[in-house]
Amino acid sequence: MSTKTKPRTWFWIAGIFAAIAGIIAITMFARGTSVRDYVDNTYTRAATLDQDEEIAYTTTEAPSAVTAAIVGAWKPVSQYADASGVYLRYNDDMVLVRPHNGGSVIRVDDVDRAYRRYHSHVSGYWGWTSGHGESFRGRGPGAGK
């Protein structure tokens, strides 16, 4: 390789890396950094449907389509569906998708608060990775003693 082509090669490599970084940045901006951001960036805010600290959004899409889109963008830790809606549990957030006026209402809340509110629906179906089982003392020798 001659000395004249080396600077050009590095220019191309730097340009490729800059393009990749730009694509990642655009994807992060459009998708957000959490499921909460994704829902906020994707669906219409419906403050009149908020319940306490639970934030509501609406769409004309069916609950099954909304759920598929959210799960496709952000994989939940756990999910449960019954006649009342689809409950998606993430590390910090809960997303609930329910039918509403021929479309869907999407509710986002803190996972702990949502568990208390929807306990009758999700109890026994949502597994916990931390927090709720910490008082269990059967984790092995010396654990919790």
C-alpha atoms as a PDB file:
ATOM      1  CA  MET A   1       0.000   0.000   0.000  1.00  0.00           C
ATOM      2  CA  SER A   2       1.479   3.344  -0.940  1.00  0.00           C
ATOM      3  CA  THR A   3       1.646   6.325   1.399  1.00  0.00           C
ATOM      4  CA  LYS A   4      -0.879   8.205  -0.772  1.00  0.00           C
ATOM      5  CA  THR A   5      -3.635   5.617  -0.189  1.00  0.00           C
ATOM      6  CA  LYS A   6      -3.183   5.236   3.602  1.00  0.00           C
ATOM      7  CA  PRO A   7      -4.810   8.568   4.544  1.00  0.00           C
ATOM      8  CA  ARG A   8      -7.692   7.819   2.190  1.00  0.00           C
ATOM      9  CA  THR A   9      -8.189   4.365   3.740  1.00  0.00           C
ATOM     10  CA  TRP A  10      -8.319   5.844   7.243  1.00  0.00           C
ATOM     11  CA  PHE A  11     -10.755   8.462   6.003  1.00  0.00           C
ATOM     12  CA  TRP A  12     -13.071   5.727   4.699  1.00  0.00           C
ATOM     13  CA  ILE A  13     -12.785   3.690   7.905  1.00  0.00           C
ATOM     14  CA  ALA A  14     -13.547   6.777  10.011  1.00  0.00           C
ATOM     15  CA  GLY A  15     -16.503   7.584   7.745  1.00  0.00           C
ATOM     16  CA  ILE A  16     -17.909   4.065   8.112  1.00  0.00           C
ATOM     17  CA  PHE A  17     -17.630   4.218  11.895  1.00  0.00           C
ATOM     18  CA  ALA A  18     -19.271   7.667  11.929  1.00  0.00           C
ATOM     19  CA  ALA A  19     -22.155   6.337   9.821  1.00  0.00           C
ATOM     20  CA  ILE A  20     -22.622   3.359  12.147  1.00  0.00           C
ATOM     21  CA  ALA A  21     -22.582   5.652  15.191  1.00  0.00           C
ATOM     22  CA  GLY A  22     -25.159   7.888  13.506  1.00  0.00           C
ATOM     23  CA  ILE A  23     -27.474   4.957  12.804  1.00  0.00           C
ATOM     24  CA  ILE A  24     -27.193   3.793  16.418  1.00  0.00           C
ATOM     25  CA  ALA A  25     -27.925   7.315  17.687  1.00  0.00           C
ATOM     26  CA  ILE A  26     -30.988   7.673  15.449  1.00  0.00           C
ATOM     27  CA  THR A  27     -32.252   4.257  16.550  1.00  0.00           C
ATOM     28  CA  MET A  28     -31.753   5.123  20.222  1.00  0.00           C
ATOM     29  CA  PHE A  29     -33.547   8.455  19.773  1.00  0.00           C
ATOM     30  CA  ALA A  30     -36.508   6.909  17.954  1.00  0.00           C
ATOM     31  CA  ARG A  31     -36.794   3.929  20.274  1.00  0.00           C
ATOM     32  CA  GLY A  32     -35.807   5.600  23.539  1.00  0.00           C
ATOM     33  CA  THR A  33     -33.737   4.142  26.317  1.00  0.00           C
ATOM     34  CA  SER A  34     -36.564   2.302  28.080  1.00  0.00           C
ATOM     35  CA  VAL A  35     -39.941   0.761  27.372  1.00  0.00           C
ATOM     36  CA  ARG A  36     -41.461   3.870  28.968  1.00  0.00           C
ATOM     37  CA  ASP A  37     -39.667   6.062  26.386  1.00  0.00           C
ATOM     38  CA  TYR A  38     -40.688   3.727  23.564  1.00  0.00           C
ATOM     39  CA  VAL A  39     -44.385   3.957  24.496  1.00  0.00           C
ATOM     40  CA  ASP A  40     -44.133   7.746  24.913  1.00  0.00           C
ATOM     41  CA  ASN A  41     -42.476   8.130  21.486  1.00  0.00           C
ATOM     42  CA  THR A  42     -44.851   5.731  19.705  1.00  0.00           C
ATOM     43  CA  TYR A  43     -48.378   6.300  21.060  1.00  0.00           C
ATOM     44  CA  THR A  44     -50.649   9.299  21.723  1.00  0.00           C
ATOM     45  CA  ARG A  45     -50.598  10.645  25.267  1.00  0.00           C
ATOM     46  CA  ALA A  46     -54.044  10.540  26.917  1.00  0.00           C
ATOM     47  CA  ALA A  47     -53.715  12.411  30.225  1.00  0.00           C
ATOM     48  CA  THR A  48     -57.488  12.293  30.800  1.00  0.00           C
ATOM     49  CA  LEU A  49     -57.203   8.496  31.157  1.00  0.00           C
ATOM     50  CA  ASP A  50     -54.382   8.598  33.736  1.00  0.00           C
ATOM     51  CA  GLN A  51     -55.065   6.805  37.016  1.00  0.00           C
ATOM     52  CA  ASP A  52     -53.016   8.178  39.924  1.00  0.00           C
ATOM     53  CA  GLU A  53     -49.388   7.880  38.775  1.00  0.00           C
ATOM     54  CA  GLU A  54     -50.219   5.458  35.957  1.00  0.00           C
ATOM     55  CA  ILE A  55     -49.628   7.214  32.609  1.00  0.00           C
ATOM     56  CA  ALA A  56     -52.062   6.470  29.750  1.00  0.00           C
ATOM     57  CA  TYR A  57     -51.618   6.457  25.976  1.00  0.00           C
ATOM     58  CA  THR A  58     -54.021   5.526  23.174  1.00  0.00           C
ATOM     59  CA  THR A  59     -53.904   4.181  19.652  1.00  0.00           C
ATOM     60  CA  THR A  60     -56.357   2.946  17.040  1.00  0.00           C
ATOM     61  CA  GLU A  61     -54.427  -0.336  16.805  1.00  0.00           C
ATOM     62  CA  ALA A  62     -55.797  -3.535  18.339  1.00  0.00           C
ATOM     63  CA  PRO A  63     -54.282  -4.683  21.657  1.00  0.00           C
ATOM     64  CA  SER A  64     -52.637  -7.693  19.970  1.00  0.00           C
ATOM     65  CA  ALA A  65     -50.837  -5.440  17.458  1.00  0.00           C
ATOM     66  CA  VAL A  66     -49.779  -2.991  20.166  1.00  0.00           C
ATOM     67  CA  THR A  67     -48.488  -5.795  22.380  1.00  0.00           C
ATOM     68  CA  ALA A  68     -46.544  -7.342  19.482  1.00  0.00           C
ATOM     69  CA  ALA A  69     -44.937  -3.976  18.658  1.00  0.00           C
ATOM     70  CA  ILE A  70     -43.941  -3.256  22.261  1.00  0.00           C
ATOM     71  CA  VAL A  71     -42.600  -6.780  22.861  1.00  0.00           C
ATOM     72  CA  GLY A  72     -40.735  -6.613  19.538  1.00  0.00           C
ATOM     73  CA  ALA A  73     -39.007  -3.395  20.595  1.00  0.00           C
ATOM     74  CA  TRP A  74     -38.551  -4.183  24.313  1.00  0.00           C
ATOM     75  CA  LYS A  75     -38.538  -7.779  25.533  1.00  0.00           C
ATOM     76  CA  PRO A  76     -40.380  -8.039  28.851  1.00  0.00           C
ATOM     77  CA  VAL A  77     -39.077  -9.984  31.838  1.00  0.00           C
ATOM     78  CA  SER A  78     -42.529 -11.518  32.177  1.00  0.00           C
ATOM     79  CA  GLN A  79     -45.936 -11.187  30.608  1.00  0.00           C
ATOM     80  CA  TYR A  80     -49.464 -12.300  31.367  1.00  0.00           C
ATOM     81  CA  ALA A  81     -52.741 -11.926  29.477  1.00  0.00           C
ATOM     82  CA  ASP A  82     -56.314 -12.401  30.603  1.00  0.00           C
ATOM     83  CA  ALA A  83     -59.699 -10.990  29.615  1.00  0.00           C
ATOM     84  CA  SER A  84     -58.811  -7.628  31.175  1.00  0.00           C
ATOM     85  CA  GLY A  85     -55.658  -7.030  29.096  1.00  0.00           C
ATOM     86  CA  VAL A  86     -52.001  -7.864  28.525  1.00  0.00           C
ATOM     87  CA  TYR A  87     -49.619  -7.170  31.409  1.00  0.00           C
ATOM     88  CA  LEU A  88     -45.946  -6.724  30.482  1.00  0.00           C
ATOM     89  CA  ARG A  89     -43.433  -6.631  33.336  1.00  0.00           C
ATOM     90  CA  TYR A  90     -40.040  -4.999  32.887  1.00  0.00           C
ATOM     91  CA  ASN A  91     -37.336  -4.477  35.506  1.00  0.00           C
ATOM     92  CA  ASP A  92     -38.655  -1.061  36.542  1.00  0.00           C
ATOM     93  CA  ASP A  93     -41.891  -0.606  34.614  1.00  0.00           C
ATOM     94  CA  MET A  94     -45.186  -2.285  33.857  1.00  0.00           C
ATOM     95  CA  VAL A  95     -47.056  -1.832  30.599  1.00  0.00           C
ATOM     96  CA  LEU A  96     -50.723  -2.774  30.435  1.00  0.00           C
ATOM     97  CA  VAL A  97     -52.482  -2.954  27.058  1.00  0.00           C
ATOM     98  CA  ARG A  98     -56.295  -3.020  27.080  1.00  0.00           C
ATOM     99  CA  PRO A  99     -59.031  -2.593  24.472  1.00  0.00           C
ATOM    100  CA  HIS A 100     -60.405   0.963  24.359  1.00  0.00           C
ATOM    101  CA  ASN A 101     -62.901   2.571  21.926  1.00  0.00           C
ATOM    102  CA  GLY A 102     -62.084   0.218  19.048  1.00  0.00           C
ATOM    103  CA  GLY A 103     -58.340   0.580  19.638  1.00  0.00           C
ATOM    104  CA  SER A 104     -56.158   0.292  22.710  1.00  0.00           C
ATOM    105  CA  VAL A 105     -55.204   2.110  25.857  1.00  0.00           C
ATOM    106  CA  ILE A 106     -51.621   1.570  26.996  1.00  0.00           C
ATOM    107  CA  ARG A 107     -50.887   2.181  30.662  1.00  0.00           C
ATOM    108  CA  VAL A 108     -47.345   2.602  32.025  1.00  0.00           C
ATOM    109  CA  ASP A 109     -46.496   2.537  35.715  1.00  0.00           C
ATOM    110  CA  ASP A 110     -43.780   1.627  38.184  1.00  0.00           C
ATOM    111  CA  VAL A 111     -43.646  -2.181  38.418  1.00  0.00           C
ATOM    112  CA  ASP A 112     -44.015  -2.338  42.208  1.00  0.00           C
ATOM    113  CA  ARG A 113     -46.993   0.029  42.279  1.00  0.00           C
ATOM    114  CA  ALA A 114     -48.565  -1.839  39.341  1.00  0.00           C
ATOM    115  CA  TYR A 115     -48.093  -5.174  41.101  1.00  0.00           C
ATOM    116  CA  ARG A 116     -50.005  -3.853  44.105  1.00  0.00           C
ATOM    117  CA  ARG A 117     -52.771  -2.453  41.872  1.00  0.00           C
ATOM    118  CA  TYR A 118     -53.108  -5.510  39.582  1.00  0.00           C
ATOM    119  CA  HIS A 119     -52.170  -8.193  42.108  1.00  0.00           C
ATOM    120  CA  SER A 120     -55.428 -10.064  41.507  1.00  0.00           C
ATOM    121  CA  HIS A 121     -54.486 -10.457  37.831  1.00  0.00           C
ATOM    122  CA  VAL A 122     -50.727 -11.042  37.839  1.00  0.00           C
ATOM    123  CA  SER A 123     -50.060 -12.744  41.163  1.00  0.00           C
ATOM    124  CA  GLY A 124     -48.596 -16.159  40.479  1.00  0.00           C
ATOM    125  CA  TYR A 125     -47.817 -15.287  36.852  1.00  0.00           C
ATOM    126  CA  TRP A 126     -45.179 -12.573  37.136  1.00  0.00           C
ATOM    127  CA  GLY A 127     -41.875 -14.002  38.290  1.00  0.00           C
ATOM    128  CA  TRP A 128     -39.546 -11.717  40.247  1.00  0.00           C
ATOM    129  CA  THR A 129     -35.827 -11.380  39.679  1.00  0.00           C
ATOM    130  CA  SER A 130     -35.205  -9.379  42.865  1.00  0.00           C
ATOM    131  CA  GLY A 131     -36.880  -7.501  45.648  1.00  0.00           C
ATOM    132  CA  HIS A 132     -40.039  -9.474  46.351  1.00  0.00           C
ATOM    133  CA  GLY A 133     -38.343 -12.752  47.286  1.00  0.00           C
ATOM    134  CA  GLU A 134     -35.495 -11.399  49.380  1.00  0.00           C
ATOM    135  CA  SER A 135     -37.034 -12.508  52.661  1.00  0.00           C
ATOM    136  CA  PHE A 136     -36.925 -16.141  51.519  1.00  0.00           C
ATOM    137  CA  ARG A 137     -34.292 -17.876  53.657  1.00  0.00           C
ATOM    138  CA  GLY A 138     -33.780 -21.116  51.715  1.00  0.00           C
ATOM    139  CA  ARG A 139     -31.161 -19.846  49.261  1.00  0.00           C
ATOM    140  CA  GLY A 140     -28.289 -22.040  50.433  1.00  0.00           C
ATOM    141  CA  PRO A 141     -25.695 -22.313  53.167  1.00  0.00           C
ATOM    142  CA  GLY A 142     -25.188 -19.053  55.032  1.00  0.00           C
ATOM    143  CA  ALA A 143     -27.633 -17.055  52.887  1.00  0.00           C
ATOM    144  CA  GLY A 144     -29.773 -14.626  54.845  1.00  0.00           C
ATOM    145  CA  LYS A 145     -28.563 -15.812  58.238  1.00  0.00           C
END
